[in-house]
C-alpha cells in the first residue's frame, strides 16, 4: 500500500534490505494465476504456477510438454492439451495436468462476472495459494497470507484509466510498471522503506511507524505469548529510537480484509508512551474509534445487536469464535470476537455477517 501510494504520488523511494511488494514469491505466483486467467497461452505464467501449489506435475512431465511445444511451435497450454488428449502422459501426470487446466478454465469463466478484487480473491483461494502458505510453519507463512490479502486490497483500490475496457489487463499492465526498476538511485533523496529489523543501528531525522494497531503490531500471533510479545515490544523501542528529531506513528480507523471491515484497537505500544510527550492528530471528518488513550468500555450486552457477550458465533472467513465485548449499539456497533484459529478480531457488526451458533 505504501509503495503504491508513493508510486502514484511520484515520490522517489528505496526499499532497504527487502523486496518490493510485487517481487515477492507469493505475489508473483498470484499475479501469474491472474495472467493465466486472462491468457492461458502465457508460457511464462504457465511455467511458474503449473505446479504451485504442488499438484504432482514432475520435471519429466514438464520437459515432455516443453519438447512438444518447441516442436509444434505452440504454447505450453496447447501442448499440454495435446499430451492429455492423445494420452502421451502417464495416467497420474495426465490427471494432474488436466486438473490444472480445468482450474484455470473455471476461474477464467468468471472474469466478466466479478469485480477485480473478487477475481484476485478467487485466484488466491481456488488456486490453493492461501492454504499452501497457511500450512507453512512459523511467521513466514502468515506474512505471505497477509501479503496475498494486501494484493486483494490493492485490487479493490485500483482505479482503471479506461472505465469502458476490462479492468484486469489494465491492472496487470500497471503492476508490470510498478514491479520494474523504479526505485530511487543510491545518491537520490528518497523515502526509505524498511522493516524494524532492518532499521537496527540506523537513525533518521524523521521516522514514520505505520500500522500501530493491535493484531498488527503487536501481531495477533504474539499477543497471547509473553516471550513473543516482549520481543515485539523491543522492536517497537527500536523503531521509536530511530527518530533523531520527529517520530510519527499511524494507525487505521478501519481495515478491510477479504471485503470484511474490521476495527483494531490502537497498539498498546502507543498507549504505553507517556501522554505528555505525545501530540495526537486526528482526521476530524472520519473519527469513529475511541481516543488513543481511552480503553474500550466493556458492555454487559450488545443492546439492539441481536448478540450477547459470551455468545458463540461463526464468520465465513475467520471461522468460529466467542463474543468478548461490544462498542456501541445497533448494526454499526463494533464487536470483539475471539476466533479459534486467528485470535481476536474487532469487526463492524453491520458488515461482519456473523451467524449465531
Protein backbone atom coordinates (compact mmCIF):
# COMPACT_ATOMS: atom_id res chain seq x y z
CA UNK A 1 0.00 0.00 0.00
CA UNK A 2 2.81 2.43 0.88
CA UNK A 3 4.66 1.56 -2.31
CA UNK A 4 1.54 2.09 -4.41
CA UNK A 5 0.89 5.48 -2.80
CA UNK A 6 4.48 6.63 -3.34
CA UNK A 7 4.42 5.49 -6.97
CA UNK A 8 1.14 7.27 -7.60
CA UNK A 9 2.44 10.46 -6.00
CA UNK A 10 5.72 10.14 -7.95
CA UNK A 11 7.74 10.34 -4.74
CA UNK A 12 11.16 8.62 -5.02
CA UNK A 13 11.58 5.71 -2.63
CA UNK A 14 14.02 2.94 -1.91
CA UNK A 15 13.46 -0.34 -0.06
CA UNK A 16 16.27 -1.05 2.37
CA UNK A 17 17.10 -4.69 2.96
CA UNK A 18 13.94 -6.14 1.44
CA UNK A 19 11.93 -6.91 -1.66
CA UNK A 20 9.40 -4.71 -3.36
CA UNK A 21 5.82 -5.88 -2.96
CA UNK A 22 5.30 -7.17 -6.49
CA UNK A 23 8.63 -9.02 -6.44
CA UNK A 24 7.66 -11.28 -3.54
CA UNK A 25 7.30 -15.00 -4.15
CA UNK A 26 3.65 -15.28 -3.19
CA UNK A 27 2.63 -12.12 -5.09
CA UNK A 28 4.37 -13.24 -8.28
CA UNK A 29 2.50 -16.55 -8.07
CA UNK A 30 -0.86 -14.85 -7.57
CA UNK A 31 -0.22 -12.47 -10.47
CA UNK A 32 0.68 -15.39 -12.71
CA UNK A 33 -2.65 -17.01 -11.92
CA UNK A 34 -4.36 -13.76 -12.89
CA UNK A 35 -2.34 -13.69 -16.10
CA UNK A 36 -3.34 -17.27 -16.85
CA UNK A 37 -6.99 -16.38 -16.26
CA UNK A 38 -6.60 -13.59 -18.79
CA UNK A 39 -4.49 -15.54 -21.30
CA UNK A 40 -3.94 -19.27 -20.84
CA UNK A 41 -1.23 -19.19 -23.56
CA UNK A 42 1.11 -17.12 -21.37
CA UNK A 43 4.08 -19.51 -21.23
CA UNK A 44 5.97 -17.64 -18.50
CA UNK A 45 2.97 -17.68 -16.18
CA UNK A 46 2.25 -21.33 -17.06
CA UNK A 47 5.79 -22.41 -16.16
CA UNK A 48 5.65 -20.61 -12.82
CA UNK A 49 2.36 -21.87 -11.41
CA UNK A 50 1.62 -25.15 -13.18
CA UNK A 51 2.94 -26.95 -10.09
CA UNK A 52 2.38 -24.28 -7.40
CA UNK A 53 0.89 -25.39 -5.11
CA UNK A 54 2.41 -28.83 -5.76
CA UNK A 55 -0.06 -30.93 -7.74
CA UNK A 56 2.13 -33.85 -8.81
CA UNK A 57 3.46 -32.47 -12.09
CA UNK A 58 7.10 -33.51 -12.16
CA UNK A 59 10.11 -32.26 -14.11
CA UNK A 60 9.85 -35.14 -16.60
CA UNK A 61 6.24 -34.26 -17.42
CA UNK A 62 7.10 -30.58 -17.86
CA UNK A 63 10.02 -31.43 -20.13
CA UNK A 64 7.75 -33.54 -22.34
CA UNK A 65 5.33 -30.62 -22.62
CA UNK A 66 8.18 -28.23 -23.47
CA UNK A 67 9.53 -30.56 -26.16
CA UNK A 68 6.13 -30.78 -27.87
CA UNK A 69 5.68 -27.00 -27.58
CA UNK A 70 9.03 -26.36 -29.28
CA UNK A 71 8.49 -28.99 -31.95
CA UNK A 72 4.98 -27.81 -32.80
CA UNK A 73 5.54 -24.09 -32.35
CA UNK A 74 2.59 -23.87 -29.97
CA UNK A 75 2.07 -22.62 -26.44
CA UNK A 76 2.66 -24.80 -23.39
CA UNK A 77 -1.09 -24.76 -22.79
CA UNK A 78 -1.79 -26.16 -26.27
CA UNK A 79 0.98 -28.73 -25.85
CA UNK A 80 -0.49 -29.81 -22.52
CA UNK A 81 -3.90 -30.20 -24.07
CA UNK A 82 -2.47 -32.36 -26.85
CA UNK A 83 -0.48 -34.50 -24.42
CA UNK A 84 -3.59 -35.18 -22.33
CA UNK A 85 -5.96 -35.81 -25.25
CA UNK A 86 -3.54 -38.11 -27.06
CA UNK A 87 -2.66 -39.94 -23.83
CA UNK A 88 1.06 -39.29 -24.13
CA UNK A 89 1.37 -38.92 -20.34
CA UNK A 90 1.02 -41.41 -17.54
CA UNK A 91 -2.45 -41.53 -16.00
CA UNK A 92 -1.28 -39.74 -12.86
CA UNK A 93 0.51 -36.98 -14.77
CA UNK A 94 -2.41 -36.58 -17.16
CA UNK A 95 -4.84 -36.18 -14.27
CA UNK A 96 -2.62 -33.53 -12.65
CA UNK A 97 -2.16 -31.53 -15.85
CA UNK A 98 -5.84 -31.84 -16.72
CA UNK A 99 -6.80 -30.69 -13.20
CA UNK A 100 -4.66 -27.57 -13.58
CA UNK A 101 -6.26 -26.74 -16.93
CA UNK A 102 -9.78 -27.26 -15.56
CA UNK A 103 -8.93 -24.95 -12.64
CA UNK A 104 -7.74 -22.16 -14.97
CA UNK A 105 -10.77 -22.57 -17.24
CA UNK A 106 -13.16 -22.37 -14.29
CA UNK A 107 -11.53 -19.21 -12.93
CA UNK A 108 -11.34 -17.64 -16.40
CA UNK A 109 -15.06 -18.19 -16.92
CA UNK A 110 -15.85 -15.71 -14.14
CA UNK A 111 -13.79 -12.78 -15.44
CA UNK A 112 -16.81 -10.93 -16.85
CA UNK A 113 -18.92 -11.58 -13.75
CA UNK A 114 -16.65 -10.46 -10.91
CA UNK A 115 -15.04 -7.13 -9.94
CA UNK A 116 -11.24 -7.04 -9.90
CA UNK A 117 -10.85 -7.62 -6.14
CA UNK A 118 -13.06 -10.71 -6.30
CA UNK A 119 -11.10 -12.00 -9.29
CA UNK A 120 -7.92 -11.73 -7.20
CA UNK A 121 -9.55 -13.35 -4.18
CA UNK A 122 -10.87 -16.11 -6.40
CA UNK A 123 -7.38 -16.69 -7.81
CA UNK A 124 -5.57 -16.97 -4.49
CA UNK A 125 -8.29 -19.03 -2.83
CA UNK A 126 -9.21 -21.53 -5.54
CA UNK A 127 -5.61 -21.98 -6.70
CA UNK A 128 -4.71 -23.17 -3.21
CA UNK A 129 -2.07 -20.47 -2.61
CA UNK A 130 -3.61 -19.31 0.67
CA UNK A 131 -3.95 -22.84 2.04
CA UNK A 132 -0.38 -23.65 0.98
CA UNK A 133 1.07 -20.74 2.94
CA UNK A 134 -1.19 -21.30 5.94
CA UNK A 135 0.39 -24.74 6.27
CA UNK A 136 3.88 -23.22 6.44
CA UNK A 137 5.44 -23.26 9.88
CA UNK A 138 6.47 -20.06 11.63
CA UNK A 139 5.75 -16.44 10.79
CA UNK A 140 6.81 -16.58 7.14
CA UNK A 141 3.64 -18.37 6.08
CA UNK A 142 1.45 -15.94 7.99
CA UNK A 143 3.28 -12.99 6.41
CA UNK A 144 2.71 -14.44 2.95
CA UNK A 145 -1.00 -14.92 3.62
CA UNK A 146 -1.21 -11.29 4.76
CA UNK A 147 0.61 -10.16 1.60
CA UNK A 148 -1.94 -12.03 -0.51
CA UNK A 149 -4.71 -10.29 1.43
CA UNK A 150 -3.00 -6.98 0.71
CA UNK A 151 -2.99 -7.83 -3.00
CA UNK A 152 -6.78 -8.19 -2.84
CA UNK A 153 -6.98 -4.77 -1.16
CA UNK A 154 -4.72 -3.29 -3.86
CA UNK A 155 -7.13 -4.61 -6.47
CA UNK A 156 -10.05 -3.09 -4.59
CA UNK A 157 -8.34 0.33 -4.56
CA UNK A 158 -7.20 0.18 -8.19
CA UNK A 159 -8.68 2.88 -10.42
CA UNK A 160 -8.78 1.94 -14.09
CA UNK A 161 -7.90 4.68 -16.57
CA UNK A 162 -10.40 3.38 -19.14
CA UNK A 163 -13.73 2.58 -17.49
CA UNK A 164 -15.05 1.01 -20.70
CA UNK A 165 -12.20 -1.51 -21.04
CA UNK A 166 -11.69 -4.72 -19.00
CA UNK A 167 -10.03 -3.84 -15.71
CA UNK A 168 -7.78 -6.91 -15.22
CA UNK A 169 -5.47 -6.15 -18.21
CA UNK A 170 -5.14 -2.55 -17.01
CA UNK A 171 -4.24 -3.72 -13.51
CA UNK A 172 -1.63 -6.18 -14.77
CA UNK A 173 -0.11 -3.50 -17.02
CA UNK A 174 0.16 -1.15 -14.05
CA UNK A 175 1.71 -3.88 -11.93
CA UNK A 176 4.29 -4.51 -14.64
CA UNK A 177 5.29 -0.85 -14.43
CA UNK A 178 5.31 -0.81 -10.63
CA UNK A 179 7.38 -4.00 -10.49
CA UNK A 180 10.01 -2.52 -12.81
CA UNK A 181 13.21 -0.85 -11.73
CA UNK A 182 11.59 2.29 -10.39
CA UNK A 183 13.40 2.62 -7.09
CA UNK A 184 15.42 5.74 -6.41
CA UNK A 185 19.12 5.77 -7.16
CA UNK A 186 21.61 5.45 -4.32
CA UNK A 187 22.57 9.15 -4.43
CA UNK A 188 18.97 10.41 -4.80
CA UNK A 189 16.97 11.87 -1.92
CA UNK A 190 14.17 9.41 -1.28
CA UNK A 191 11.82 7.88 1.26
CA UNK A 192 13.47 4.86 2.88
CA UNK A 193 11.14 1.88 3.40
CA UNK A 194 12.33 -0.87 5.73
CA UNK A 195 11.30 -3.35 8.38
CA UNK A 196 12.03 -2.73 12.04
CA UNK A 197 14.64 -5.49 11.95
CA UNK A 198 16.40 -3.77 9.05
CA UNK A 199 16.35 -0.44 10.91
CA UNK A 200 18.57 -1.60 13.78
CA UNK A 201 21.66 0.57 14.05
CA UNK A 202 20.30 3.29 11.74
CA UNK A 203 18.98 6.77 12.56
CA UNK A 204 16.95 9.28 10.56
CA UNK A 205 15.81 12.87 11.19
CA UNK A 206 12.17 11.84 10.64
CA UNK A 207 10.63 8.38 11.13
CA UNK A 208 7.15 7.04 10.41
CA UNK A 209 5.89 3.85 12.07
CA UNK A 210 2.78 2.65 10.22
CA UNK A 211 0.18 0.12 11.32
CA UNK A 212 0.45 0.70 15.07
CA UNK A 213 -2.61 -1.42 15.87
CA UNK A 214 -3.43 -4.44 17.96
CA UNK A 215 -3.30 -7.62 15.83
CA UNK A 216 -0.76 -5.92 13.56
CA UNK A 217 1.85 -4.56 15.96
CA UNK A 218 1.83 -6.45 18.24
CA UNK A 219 0.84 -9.20 15.83
CA UNK A 220 -2.21 -11.30 16.69
CA UNK A 221 0.03 -14.38 16.94
CA UNK A 222 2.17 -12.73 19.64
CA UNK A 223 -0.47 -11.24 21.93
CA UNK A 224 -1.05 -14.42 23.94
CA UNK A 225 2.61 -15.43 24.10
CA UNK A 226 4.60 -13.34 26.65
CA UNK A 227 8.01 -14.10 25.08
CA UNK A 228 6.97 -13.08 21.58
CA UNK A 229 5.06 -10.06 22.88
CA UNK A 230 8.14 -8.77 24.69
CA UNK A 231 10.21 -9.27 21.54
CA UNK A 232 7.75 -7.09 19.63
CA UNK A 233 7.92 -4.53 22.43
CA UNK A 234 11.69 -4.41 21.98
CA UNK A 235 11.17 -3.94 18.23
CA UNK A 236 8.81 -1.05 18.97
CA UNK A 237 11.56 0.51 21.08
CA UNK A 238 13.98 0.06 18.19
CA UNK A 239 11.60 1.83 15.82
CA UNK A 240 10.86 4.69 18.20
CA UNK A 241 14.54 5.35 18.92
CA UNK A 242 15.46 5.50 15.21
CA UNK A 243 14.00 9.03 15.10
CA UNK A 244 16.50 11.82 15.73
CA UNK A 245 14.07 14.76 15.58
CA UNK A 246 10.48 13.71 14.87
CA UNK A 247 8.51 10.46 15.12
CA UNK A 248 5.07 9.90 13.60
CA UNK A 249 3.08 6.77 14.44
CA UNK A 250 -0.05 5.96 12.43
CA UNK A 251 -2.99 3.59 12.69
CA UNK A 252 -6.03 2.93 10.52
CA UNK A 253 -9.58 3.69 11.63
CA UNK A 254 -10.76 0.54 9.85
CA UNK A 255 -9.22 -2.18 7.72
CA UNK A 256 -10.79 -4.29 5.01
CA UNK A 257 -9.75 -7.94 4.67
CA UNK A 258 -11.48 -10.04 2.01
CA UNK A 259 -14.27 -7.49 1.95
CA UNK A 260 -14.83 -7.58 5.72
CA UNK A 261 -14.41 -4.33 7.61
CA UNK A 262 -12.50 -4.81 10.87
CA UNK A 263 -11.56 -2.45 13.67
CA UNK A 264 -8.25 -2.92 15.51
CA UNK A 265 -7.57 -1.13 18.78
CA UNK A 266 -4.66 1.29 18.88
CA UNK A 267 -1.44 -0.55 19.69
CA UNK A 268 -0.60 -0.98 23.35
CA UNK A 269 2.88 0.28 22.45
CA UNK A 270 1.37 3.71 21.76
CA UNK A 271 -0.71 3.61 24.93
CA UNK A 272 2.45 2.85 26.94
CA UNK A 273 4.06 6.15 25.90
CA UNK A 274 3.59 8.97 28.46
CA UNK A 275 0.76 11.21 27.31
CA UNK A 276 2.72 14.40 27.94
CA UNK A 277 5.20 13.62 25.15
CA UNK A 278 2.57 12.73 22.54
CA UNK A 279 0.66 15.09 20.26
CA UNK A 280 -2.39 13.37 18.80
CA UNK A 281 -3.56 14.42 15.32
CA UNK A 282 -7.00 13.21 14.21
CA UNK A 283 -8.88 13.20 10.91
CA UNK A 284 -11.98 15.01 12.15
CA UNK A 285 -14.11 14.03 9.18
CA UNK A 286 -13.78 10.30 9.77
CA UNK A 287 -13.26 9.64 13.50
CA UNK A 288 -15.10 6.54 14.63
CA UNK A 289 -12.91 4.94 17.29
CA UNK A 290 -12.24 5.96 20.88
CA UNK A 291 -9.34 8.32 21.50
CA UNK A 292 -5.88 6.82 21.58
CA UNK A 293 -5.64 6.52 25.35
CA UNK A 294 -9.21 5.50 26.09
CA UNK A 295 -9.67 1.84 26.95
CA UNK A 296 -12.71 0.22 25.30
CA UNK A 297 -15.70 0.10 27.64
CA UNK A 298 -16.88 -3.42 28.45
CA UNK A 299 -20.63 -3.57 27.99
CA UNK A 300 -22.91 -6.05 29.72
CA UNK A 301 -24.66 -6.87 26.48
CA UNK A 302 -24.85 -5.64 22.92
CA UNK A 303 -28.04 -3.62 23.00
CA UNK A 304 -30.01 -3.85 19.74
CA UNK A 305 -27.34 -6.01 18.10
CA UNK A 306 -29.05 -9.37 18.39
CA UNK A 307 -25.97 -10.83 20.10
CA UNK A 308 -24.77 -11.15 23.69
CA UNK A 309 -21.44 -11.38 25.49
CA UNK A 310 -20.09 -14.91 25.57
CA UNK A 311 -22.20 -15.99 22.60
CA UNK A 312 -20.64 -18.38 20.10
CA UNK A 313 -20.69 -17.11 16.52
CA UNK A 314 -19.38 -18.07 13.09
CA UNK A 315 -17.68 -15.89 10.46
CA UNK A 316 -17.41 -17.03 6.85
CA UNK A 317 -13.65 -16.28 6.73
CA UNK A 318 -12.37 -16.43 10.32
CA UNK A 319 -14.43 -19.43 11.47
CA UNK A 320 -15.93 -19.97 14.93
CA UNK A 321 -15.43 -17.65 17.88
CA UNK A 322 -16.85 -16.14 21.07
CA UNK A 323 -18.04 -12.56 21.59
CA UNK A 324 -15.89 -10.77 24.17
CA UNK A 325 -17.08 -7.17 24.03
CA UNK A 326 -19.22 -4.58 22.24
CA UNK A 327 -18.53 -0.93 21.45
CA UNK A 328 -21.72 0.93 20.66
CA UNK A 329 -25.21 -0.30 19.86
CA UNK A 330 -27.18 -1.29 16.79
CA UNK A 331 -25.80 -2.52 13.46
CA UNK A 332 -22.85 -0.09 13.48
CA UNK A 333 -21.62 -1.46 16.80
CA UNK A 334 -18.11 -2.86 16.92
CA UNK A 335 -17.87 -6.37 18.28
CA UNK A 336 -14.77 -8.07 19.73
CA UNK A 337 -14.67 -11.76 18.80
CA UNK A 338 -12.05 -14.31 19.91
CA UNK A 339 -11.78 -16.74 16.98
CA UNK A 340 -10.41 -20.25 17.41
CA UNK A 341 -7.96 -20.05 14.51
CA UNK A 342 -6.97 -16.39 14.06
CA UNK A 343 -7.24 -14.84 17.52
CA UNK A 344 -9.24 -11.76 18.47
CA UNK A 345 -10.77 -9.55 15.77
CA UNK A 346 -12.77 -6.33 16.13
CA UNK A 347 -15.45 -6.15 13.47
CA UNK A 348 -18.17 -3.76 12.36
CA UNK A 349 -21.32 -5.75 13.06
CA UNK A 350 -23.20 -4.49 10.00
CA UNK A 351 -20.63 -5.93 7.58
CA UNK A 352 -19.30 -8.88 9.58
CA UNK A 353 -22.20 -11.24 8.70
CA UNK A 354 -21.84 -13.15 11.95
CA UNK A 355 -24.07 -16.17 12.46
CA UNK A 356 -25.12 -17.36 15.92
CA UNK A 357 -24.25 -20.97 16.81
